[in-house]
PDB file of all heavy atoms in Angstrom:
ATOM      1  N   TRP A   1       0.824  -1.205   0.007  1.00  0.00           N
ATOM      2  CA  TRP A   1       0.049   0.017  -0.004  1.00  0.00           C
ATOM      3  C   TRP A   1       0.883   1.288  -0.009  1.00  0.00           C
ATOM      4  O   TRP A   1       0.524   2.308  -0.640  1.00  0.00           O
ATOM      5  CB  TRP A   1      -0.931   0.072   1.199  1.00  0.00           C
ATOM      6  CG  TRP A   1      -0.296  -0.071   2.577  1.00  0.00           C
ATOM      7  CD1 TRP A   1      -0.022  -1.133   3.280  1.00  0.00           C
ATOM      8  CD2 TRP A   1       0.157   1.040   3.195  1.00  0.00           C
ATOM      9  NE1 TRP A   1       0.662  -0.710   4.419  1.00  0.00           N
ATOM     10  CE2 TRP A   1       0.751   0.642   4.419  1.00  0.00           C
ATOM     11  CE3 TRP A   1       0.184   2.483   3.070  1.00  0.00           C
ATOM     12  CZ2 TRP A   1       1.339   1.507   5.457  1.00  0.00           C
ATOM     13  CZ3 TRP A   1       0.731   3.368   4.001  1.00  0.00           C
ATOM     14  CH2 TRP A   1       1.321   2.804   5.171  1.00  0.00           C
ATOM     15  N   GLU A   2       2.061   1.191   0.605  1.00  0.00           N
ATOM     16  CA  GLU A   2       2.982   2.327   0.678  1.00  0.00           C
ATOM     17  C   GLU A   2       3.459   2.511  -0.675  1.00  0.00           C
ATOM     18  O   GLU A   2       3.578   3.640  -1.135  1.00  0.00           O
ATOM     19  CB  GLU A   2       4.143   1.927   1.694  1.00  0.00           C
ATOM     20  CG  GLU A   2       4.999   3.149   1.920  1.00  0.00           C
ATOM     21  CD  GLU A   2       6.014   2.801   3.004  1.00  0.00           C
ATOM     22  OE1 GLU A   2       5.786   2.054   3.943  1.00  0.00           O
ATOM     23  OE2 GLU A   2       7.210   3.347   2.840  1.00  0.00           O
ATOM     24  N   GLN A   3       3.938   1.589  -1.469  1.00  0.00           N
ATOM     25  CA  GLN A   3       4.437   1.692  -2.746  1.00  0.00           C
ATOM     26  C   GLN A   3       3.310   2.248  -3.668  1.00  0.00           C
ATOM     27  O   GLN A   3       3.658   3.100  -4.495  1.00  0.00           O
ATOM     28  CB  GLN A   3       4.920   0.372  -3.409  1.00  0.00           C
ATOM     29  CG  GLN A   3       6.234  -0.063  -2.764  1.00  0.00           C
ATOM     30  CD  GLN A   3       7.411   0.781  -3.162  1.00  0.00           C
ATOM     31  OE1 GLN A   3       7.311   1.944  -3.395  1.00  0.00           O
ATOM     32  NE2 GLN A   3       8.552   0.139  -3.376  1.00  0.00           N
ATOM     33  N   LYS A   4       2.115   1.767  -3.547  1.00  0.00           N
ATOM     34  CA  LYS A   4       1.042   2.232  -4.433  1.00  0.00           C
ATOM     35  C   LYS A   4       0.735   3.689  -4.094  1.00  0.00           C
ATOM     36  O   LYS A   4       0.484   4.572  -5.002  1.00  0.00           O
ATOM     37  CB  LYS A   4      -0.228   1.426  -4.166  1.00  0.00           C
ATOM     38  CG  LYS A   4      -0.197   0.098  -4.782  1.00  0.00           C
ATOM     39  CD  LYS A   4      -1.369  -0.791  -4.508  1.00  0.00           C
ATOM     40  CE  LYS A   4      -1.304  -2.161  -5.060  1.00  0.00           C
ATOM     41  NZ  LYS A   4      -2.543  -2.942  -4.808  1.00  0.00           N
ATOM     42  N   GLY A   5       0.792   4.080  -2.868  1.00  0.00           N
ATOM     43  CA  GLY A   5       0.682   5.479  -2.469  1.00  0.00           C
ATOM     44  C   GLY A   5       1.724   6.422  -3.012  1.00  0.00           C
ATOM     45  O   GLY A   5       1.465   7.516  -3.533  1.00  0.00           O
ATOM     46  N   LEU A   6       2.925   5.891  -3.020  1.00  0.00           N
ATOM     47  CA  LEU A   6       4.044   6.709  -3.559  1.00  0.00           C
ATOM     48  C   LEU A   6       3.937   6.874  -5.090  1.00  0.00           C
ATOM     49  O   LEU A   6       4.164   7.921  -5.556  1.00  0.00           O
ATOM     50  CB  LEU A   6       5.470   6.078  -3.288  1.00  0.00           C
ATOM     51  CG  LEU A   6       5.779   6.098  -1.841  1.00  0.00           C
ATOM     52  CD1 LEU A   6       7.105   5.228  -1.644  1.00  0.00           C
ATOM     53  CD2 LEU A   6       6.147   7.535  -1.466  1.00  0.00           C
ATOM     54  N   GLU A   7       3.567   5.781  -5.796  1.00  0.00           N
ATOM     55  CA  GLU A   7       3.332   5.870  -7.223  1.00  0.00           C
ATOM     56  C   GLU A   7       2.230   6.806  -7.634  1.00  0.00           C
ATOM     57  O   GLU A   7       2.346   7.556  -8.533  1.00  0.00           O
ATOM     58  CB  GLU A   7       3.118   4.462  -7.762  1.00  0.00           C
ATOM     59  CG  GLU A   7       2.946   4.479  -9.335  1.00  0.00           C
ATOM     60  CD  GLU A   7       4.140   5.002 -10.070  1.00  0.00           C
ATOM     61  OE1 GLU A   7       5.218   4.976  -9.602  1.00  0.00           O
ATOM     62  OE2 GLU A   7       3.926   5.650 -11.037  1.00  0.00           O
ATOM     63  N   LYS A   8       1.092   6.753  -6.781  1.00  0.00           N
ATOM     64  CA  LYS A   8       0.026   7.615  -7.038  1.00  0.00           C
ATOM     65  C   LYS A   8       0.419   9.097  -6.887  1.00  0.00           C
ATOM     66  O   LYS A   8       0.114   9.895  -7.729  1.00  0.00           O
ATOM     67  CB  LYS A   8      -1.195   7.327  -6.116  1.00  0.00           C
ATOM     68  CG  LYS A   8      -2.325   8.113  -6.447  1.00  0.00           C
ATOM     69  CD  LYS A   8      -3.569   7.793  -5.555  1.00  0.00           C
ATOM     70  CE  LYS A   8      -4.717   8.819  -5.963  1.00  0.00           C
ATOM     71  NZ  LYS A   8      -5.830   8.703  -5.048  1.00  0.00           N
ATOM     72  N   GLY A   9       1.243   9.335  -5.887  1.00  0.00           N
ATOM     73  CA  GLY A   9       1.834  10.688  -5.616  1.00  0.00           C
ATOM     74  C   GLY A   9       2.682  11.208  -6.755  1.00  0.00           C
ATOM     75  O   GLY A   9       2.563  12.276  -7.244  1.00  0.00           O
ATOM     76  N   ARG A  10       3.434  10.264  -7.273  1.00  0.00           N
ATOM     77  CA  ARG A  10       4.337  10.636  -8.418  1.00  0.00           C
ATOM     78  C   ARG A  10       3.467  10.911  -9.655  1.00  0.00           C
ATOM     79  O   ARG A  10       3.764  11.891 -10.372  1.00  0.00           O
ATOM     80  CB  ARG A  10       5.213   9.443  -8.619  1.00  0.00           C
ATOM     81  CG  ARG A  10       6.426   9.329  -7.769  1.00  0.00           C
ATOM     82  CD  ARG A  10       7.405   8.271  -8.171  1.00  0.00           C
ATOM     83  NE  ARG A  10       8.239   7.903  -7.107  1.00  0.00           N
ATOM     84  CZ  ARG A  10       8.172   6.733  -6.475  1.00  0.00           C
ATOM     85  NH1 ARG A  10       7.379   5.817  -6.814  1.00  0.00           N
ATOM     86  NH2 ARG A  10       9.082   6.492  -5.406  1.00  0.00           N
ATOM     87  N   GLN A  11       2.506  10.131  -9.920  1.00  0.00           N
ATOM     88  CA  GLN A  11       1.638  10.360 -11.068  1.00  0.00           C
ATOM     89  C   GLN A  11       0.883  11.711 -10.960  1.00  0.00           C
ATOM     90  O   GLN A  11       0.772  12.451 -11.947  1.00  0.00           O
ATOM     91  CB  GLN A  11       0.568   9.244 -11.226  1.00  0.00           C
ATOM     92  CG  GLN A  11       1.107   7.903 -11.714  1.00  0.00           C
ATOM     93  CD  GLN A  11       0.184   6.715 -11.684  1.00  0.00           C
ATOM     94  OE1 GLN A  11      -0.873   6.963 -11.187  1.00  0.00           O
ATOM     95  NE2 GLN A  11       0.623   5.629 -12.207  1.00  0.00           N
ATOM     96  N   GLU A  12       0.351  11.943  -9.778  1.00  0.00           N
ATOM     97  CA  GLU A  12      -0.268  13.277  -9.537  1.00  0.00           C
ATOM     98  C   GLU A  12       0.744  14.467  -9.691  1.00  0.00           C
ATOM     99  O   GLU A  12       0.281  15.439 -10.277  1.00  0.00           O
ATOM    100  CB  GLU A  12      -0.861  13.311  -8.129  1.00  0.00           C
ATOM    101  CG  GLU A  12      -2.150  12.431  -8.111  1.00  0.00           C
ATOM    102  CD  GLU A  12      -2.657  12.306  -6.644  1.00  0.00           C
ATOM    103  OE1 GLU A  12      -2.129  12.841  -5.694  1.00  0.00           O
ATOM    104  OE2 GLU A  12      -3.653  11.582  -6.498  1.00  0.00           O
ATOM    105  N   GLY A  13       1.933  14.254  -9.352  1.00  0.00           N
ATOM    106  CA  GLY A  13       2.974  15.222  -9.452  1.00  0.00           C
ATOM    107  C   GLY A  13       3.290  15.564 -10.970  1.00  0.00           C
ATOM    108  O   GLY A  13       3.389  16.665 -11.405  1.00  0.00           O
ATOM    109  N   ARG A  14       3.347  14.445 -11.725  1.00  0.00           N
ATOM    110  CA  ARG A  14       3.643  14.585 -13.173  1.00  0.00           C
ATOM    111  C   ARG A  14       2.438  15.257 -13.881  1.00  0.00           C
ATOM    112  O   ARG A  14       2.652  16.074 -14.757  1.00  0.00           O
ATOM    113  CB  ARG A  14       3.978  13.181 -13.827  1.00  0.00           C
ATOM    114  CG  ARG A  14       5.348  12.712 -13.415  1.00  0.00           C
ATOM    115  CD  ARG A  14       5.679  11.472 -14.171  1.00  0.00           C
ATOM    116  NE  ARG A  14       4.826  10.300 -13.919  1.00  0.00           N
ATOM    117  CZ  ARG A  14       5.135   9.434 -12.995  1.00  0.00           C
ATOM    118  NH1 ARG A  14       6.149   9.486 -12.283  1.00  0.00           N
ATOM    119  NH2 ARG A  14       4.287   8.380 -12.875  1.00  0.00           N
ATOM    120  N   GLN A  15       1.290  14.900 -13.399  1.00  0.00           N
ATOM    121  CA  GLN A  15      -0.003  15.529 -13.963  1.00  0.00           C
ATOM    122  C   GLN A  15       0.025  17.046 -13.681  1.00  0.00           C
ATOM    123  O   GLN A  15      -0.286  17.859 -14.603  1.00  0.00           O
ATOM    124  CB  GLN A  15      -1.235  14.917 -13.380  1.00  0.00           C
ATOM    125  CG  GLN A  15      -2.495  15.495 -13.903  1.00  0.00           C
ATOM    126  CD  GLN A  15      -2.963  14.975 -15.211  1.00  0.00           C
ATOM    127  OE1 GLN A  15      -2.176  14.240 -15.929  1.00  0.00           O
ATOM    128  NE2 GLN A  15      -4.145  15.391 -15.661  1.00  0.00           N
ATOM    129  N   GLU A  16       0.430  17.416 -12.496  1.00  0.00           N
ATOM    130  CA  GLU A  16       0.483  18.863 -12.162  1.00  0.00           C
ATOM    131  C   GLU A  16       1.527  19.517 -12.958  1.00  0.00           C
ATOM    132  O   GLU A  16       1.394  20.667 -13.353  1.00  0.00           O
ATOM    133  CB  GLU A  16       0.632  19.081 -10.678  1.00  0.00           C
ATOM    134  CG  GLU A  16      -0.641  18.897  -9.879  1.00  0.00           C
ATOM    135  CD  GLU A  16      -1.624  19.895 -10.269  1.00  0.00           C
ATOM    136  OE1 GLU A  16      -1.535  21.054 -10.378  1.00  0.00           O
ATOM    137  OE2 GLU A  16      -2.822  19.441 -10.313  1.00  0.00           O
ATOM    138  N   GLU A  17       2.674  18.984 -13.142  1.00  0.00           N
ATOM    139  CA  GLU A  17       3.684  19.476 -14.032  1.00  0.00           C
ATOM    140  C   GLU A  17       3.160  19.689 -15.454  1.00  0.00           C
ATOM    141  O   GLU A  17       3.564  20.783 -16.042  1.00  0.00           O
ATOM    142  CB  GLU A  17       5.052  18.494 -14.049  1.00  0.00           C
ATOM    143  CG  GLU A  17       5.673  18.629 -12.726  1.00  0.00           C
ATOM    144  CD  GLU A  17       6.848  17.541 -12.668  1.00  0.00           C
ATOM    145  OE1 GLU A  17       7.103  16.895 -13.729  1.00  0.00           O
ATOM    146  OE2 GLU A  17       7.532  17.428 -11.628  1.00  0.00           O
ATOM    147  N   ARG A  18       2.587  18.705 -16.074  1.00  0.00           N
ATOM    148  CA  ARG A  18       2.028  18.964 -17.382  1.00  0.00           C
ATOM    149  C   ARG A  18       1.001  20.106 -17.388  1.00  0.00           C
ATOM    150  O   ARG A  18       1.109  20.905 -18.360  1.00  0.00           O
ATOM    151  CB  ARG A  18       1.227  17.585 -17.883  1.00  0.00           C
ATOM    152  CG  ARG A  18       2.154  16.493 -18.182  1.00  0.00           C
ATOM    153  CD  ARG A  18       1.213  15.312 -18.503  1.00  0.00           C
ATOM    154  NE  ARG A  18       1.980  14.116 -19.034  1.00  0.00           N
ATOM    155  CZ  ARG A  18       2.180  13.116 -18.328  1.00  0.00           C
ATOM    156  NH1 ARG A  18       1.655  13.063 -17.089  1.00  0.00           N
ATOM    157  NH2 ARG A  18       2.770  12.103 -18.830  1.00  0.00           N
ATOM    158  N   ILE A  19       0.146  20.196 -16.410  1.00  0.00           N
ATOM    159  CA  ILE A  19      -0.872  21.280 -16.351  1.00  0.00           C
ATOM    160  C   ILE A  19      -0.145  22.578 -16.399  1.00  0.00           C
ATOM    161  O   ILE A  19      -0.500  23.476 -17.092  1.00  0.00           O
ATOM    162  CB  ILE A  19      -1.795  21.071 -15.255  1.00  0.00           C
ATOM    163  CG1 ILE A  19      -2.767  19.793 -15.504  1.00  0.00           C
ATOM    164  CG2 ILE A  19      -2.649  22.337 -15.003  1.00  0.00           C
ATOM    165  CD1 ILE A  19      -3.422  19.416 -14.299  1.00  0.00           C
ATOM    166  N   HIS A  20       0.791  22.659 -15.440  1.00  0.00           N
ATOM    167  CA  HIS A  20       1.615  23.982 -15.241  1.00  0.00           C
ATOM    168  C   HIS A  20       2.355  24.324 -16.572  1.00  0.00           C
ATOM    169  O   HIS A  20       2.296  25.493 -16.951  1.00  0.00           O
ATOM    170  CB  HIS A  20       2.561  23.803 -14.141  1.00  0.00           C
ATOM    171  CG  HIS A  20       3.456  25.014 -13.853  1.00  0.00           C
ATOM    172  ND1 HIS A  20       2.884  26.169 -13.276  1.00  0.00           N
ATOM    173  CD2 HIS A  20       4.636  25.191 -14.177  1.00  0.00           C
ATOM    174  CE1 HIS A  20       3.847  26.980 -13.299  1.00  0.00           C
ATOM    175  NE2 HIS A  20       5.023  26.578 -13.831  1.00  0.00           N
ATOM    176  N   LEU A  21       2.990  23.371 -17.201  1.00  0.00           N
ATOM    177  CA  LEU A  21       3.651  23.672 -18.355  1.00  0.00           C
ATOM    178  C   LEU A  21       2.754  24.140 -19.505  1.00  0.00           C
ATOM    179  O   LEU A  21       3.042  25.119 -20.182  1.00  0.00           O
ATOM    180  CB  LEU A  21       4.407  22.486 -18.782  1.00  0.00           C
ATOM    181  CG  LEU A  21       5.248  22.535 -20.195  1.00  0.00           C
ATOM    182  CD1 LEU A  21       6.317  23.606 -20.114  1.00  0.00           C
ATOM    183  CD2 LEU A  21       5.806  21.157 -20.528  1.00  0.00           C
ATOM    184  N   LEU A  22       1.602  23.453 -19.728  1.00  0.00           N
ATOM    185  CA  LEU A  22       0.771  23.833 -20.872  1.00  0.00           C
ATOM    186  C   LEU A  22       0.180  25.198 -20.534  1.00  0.00           C
ATOM    187  O   LEU A  22       0.167  26.049 -21.452  1.00  0.00           O
ATOM    188  CB  LEU A  22      -0.290  22.831 -20.944  1.00  0.00           C
ATOM    189  CG  LEU A  22      -1.403  23.114 -22.013  1.00  0.00           C
ATOM    190  CD1 LEU A  22      -0.806  23.300 -23.307  1.00  0.00           C
ATOM    191  CD2 LEU A  22      -2.411  21.914 -22.069  1.00  0.00           C
ATOM    192  N   LEU A  23      -0.257  25.478 -19.281  1.00  0.00           N
ATOM    193  CA  LEU A  23      -0.786  26.828 -18.989  1.00  0.00           C
ATOM    194  C   LEU A  23       0.285  27.790 -19.146  1.00  0.00           C
ATOM    195  O   LEU A  23       0.040  28.975 -19.682  1.00  0.00           O
ATOM    196  CB  LEU A  23      -1.442  26.874 -17.612  1.00  0.00           C
ATOM    197  CG  LEU A  23      -2.576  26.066 -17.421  1.00  0.00           C
ATOM    198  CD1 LEU A  23      -2.963  26.019 -15.962  1.00  0.00           C
ATOM    199  CD2 LEU A  23      -3.770  26.587 -18.244  1.00  0.00           C
ATOM    200  N   ARG A  24       1.493  27.599 -18.818  1.00  0.00           N
ATOM    201  CA  ARG A  24       2.556  28.571 -19.034  1.00  0.00           C
ATOM    202  C   ARG A  24       2.800  28.879 -20.513  1.00  0.00           C
ATOM    203  O   ARG A  24       2.916  30.016 -20.873  1.00  0.00           O
ATOM    204  CB  ARG A  24       3.835  28.011 -18.358  1.00  0.00           C
ATOM    205  CG  ARG A  24       4.906  29.059 -18.260  1.00  0.00           C
ATOM    206  CD  ARG A  24       6.033  28.547 -17.355  1.00  0.00           C
ATOM    207  NE  ARG A  24       7.155  29.558 -17.456  1.00  0.00           N
ATOM    208  CZ  ARG A  24       8.333  29.233 -17.091  1.00  0.00           C
ATOM    209  NH1 ARG A  24       8.601  28.105 -16.549  1.00  0.00           N
ATOM    210  NH2 ARG A  24       9.224  30.098 -17.129  1.00  0.00           N
ATOM    211  N   ILE A  25       2.841  27.871 -21.331  1.00  0.00           N
ATOM    212  CA  ILE A  25       3.013  28.021 -22.696  1.00  0.00           C
ATOM    213  C   ILE A  25       1.868  28.807 -23.282  1.00  0.00           C
ATOM    214  O   ILE A  25       2.024  29.811 -24.050  1.00  0.00           O
ATOM    215  CB  ILE A  25       3.063  26.737 -23.468  1.00  0.00           C
ATOM    216  CG1 ILE A  25       4.420  25.993 -23.193  1.00  0.00           C
ATOM    217  CG2 ILE A  25       2.963  26.850 -25.078  1.00  0.00           C
ATOM    218  CD1 ILE A  25       4.389  24.485 -23.670  1.00  0.00           C
ATOM    219  N   LEU A  26       0.632  28.498 -22.920  1.00  0.00           N
ATOM    220  CA  LEU A  26      -0.548  29.241 -23.370  1.00  0.00           C
ATOM    221  C   LEU A  26      -0.606  30.693 -23.043  1.00  0.00           C
ATOM    222  O   LEU A  26      -0.918  31.515 -23.784  1.00  0.00           O
ATOM    223  CB  LEU A  26      -1.795  28.552 -22.954  1.00  0.00           C
ATOM    224  CG  LEU A  26      -2.128  27.084 -23.546  1.00  0.00           C
ATOM    225  CD1 LEU A  26      -3.313  26.473 -22.963  1.00  0.00           C
ATOM    226  CD2 LEU A  26      -2.148  27.227 -25.157  1.00  0.00           C
ATOM    227  N   GLN A  27      -0.167  31.002 -21.764  1.00  0.00           N
ATOM    228  CA  GLN A  27      -0.145  32.341 -21.302  1.00  0.00           C
ATOM    229  C   GLN A  27       0.831  33.099 -22.067  1.00  0.00           C
ATOM    230  O   GLN A  27       0.656  34.298 -22.244  1.00  0.00           O
ATOM    231  CB  GLN A  27       0.025  32.308 -19.811  1.00  0.00           C
ATOM    232  CG  GLN A  27      -1.190  31.871 -19.033  1.00  0.00           C
ATOM    233  CD  GLN A  27      -0.977  31.608 -17.577  1.00  0.00           C
ATOM    234  OE1 GLN A  27       0.267  31.484 -17.089  1.00  0.00           O
ATOM    235  NE2 GLN A  27      -2.042  31.572 -16.849  1.00  0.00           N
ATOM    236  N   ARG A  28       1.952  32.499 -22.509  1.00  0.00           N
ATOM    237  CA  ARG A  28       2.927  33.232 -23.256  1.00  0.00           C
ATOM    238  C   ARG A  28       2.353  33.564 -24.635  1.00  0.00           C
ATOM    239  O   ARG A  28       2.647  34.617 -25.206  1.00  0.00           O
ATOM    240  CB  ARG A  28       4.228  32.437 -23.369  1.00  0.00           C
ATOM    241  CG  ARG A  28       4.980  32.173 -22.104  1.00  0.00           C
ATOM    242  CD  ARG A  28       5.886  33.266 -21.716  1.00  0.00           C
ATOM    243  NE  ARG A  28       6.738  33.616 -22.914  1.00  0.00           N
ATOM    244  CZ  ARG A  28       8.033  34.009 -22.772  1.00  0.00           C
ATOM    245  NH1 ARG A  28       8.531  33.986 -21.592  1.00  0.00           N
ATOM    246  NH2 ARG A  28       8.641  34.344 -23.748  1.00  0.00           N
TER     247      ARG A  28
END
């Protein structure tokens, strides 16, 4: 369960990075 939690956290972090990157490009 600890490994699954860590992986879920990593996936959510990558998702937030994608969102931030796209919004930054669009705002430029």
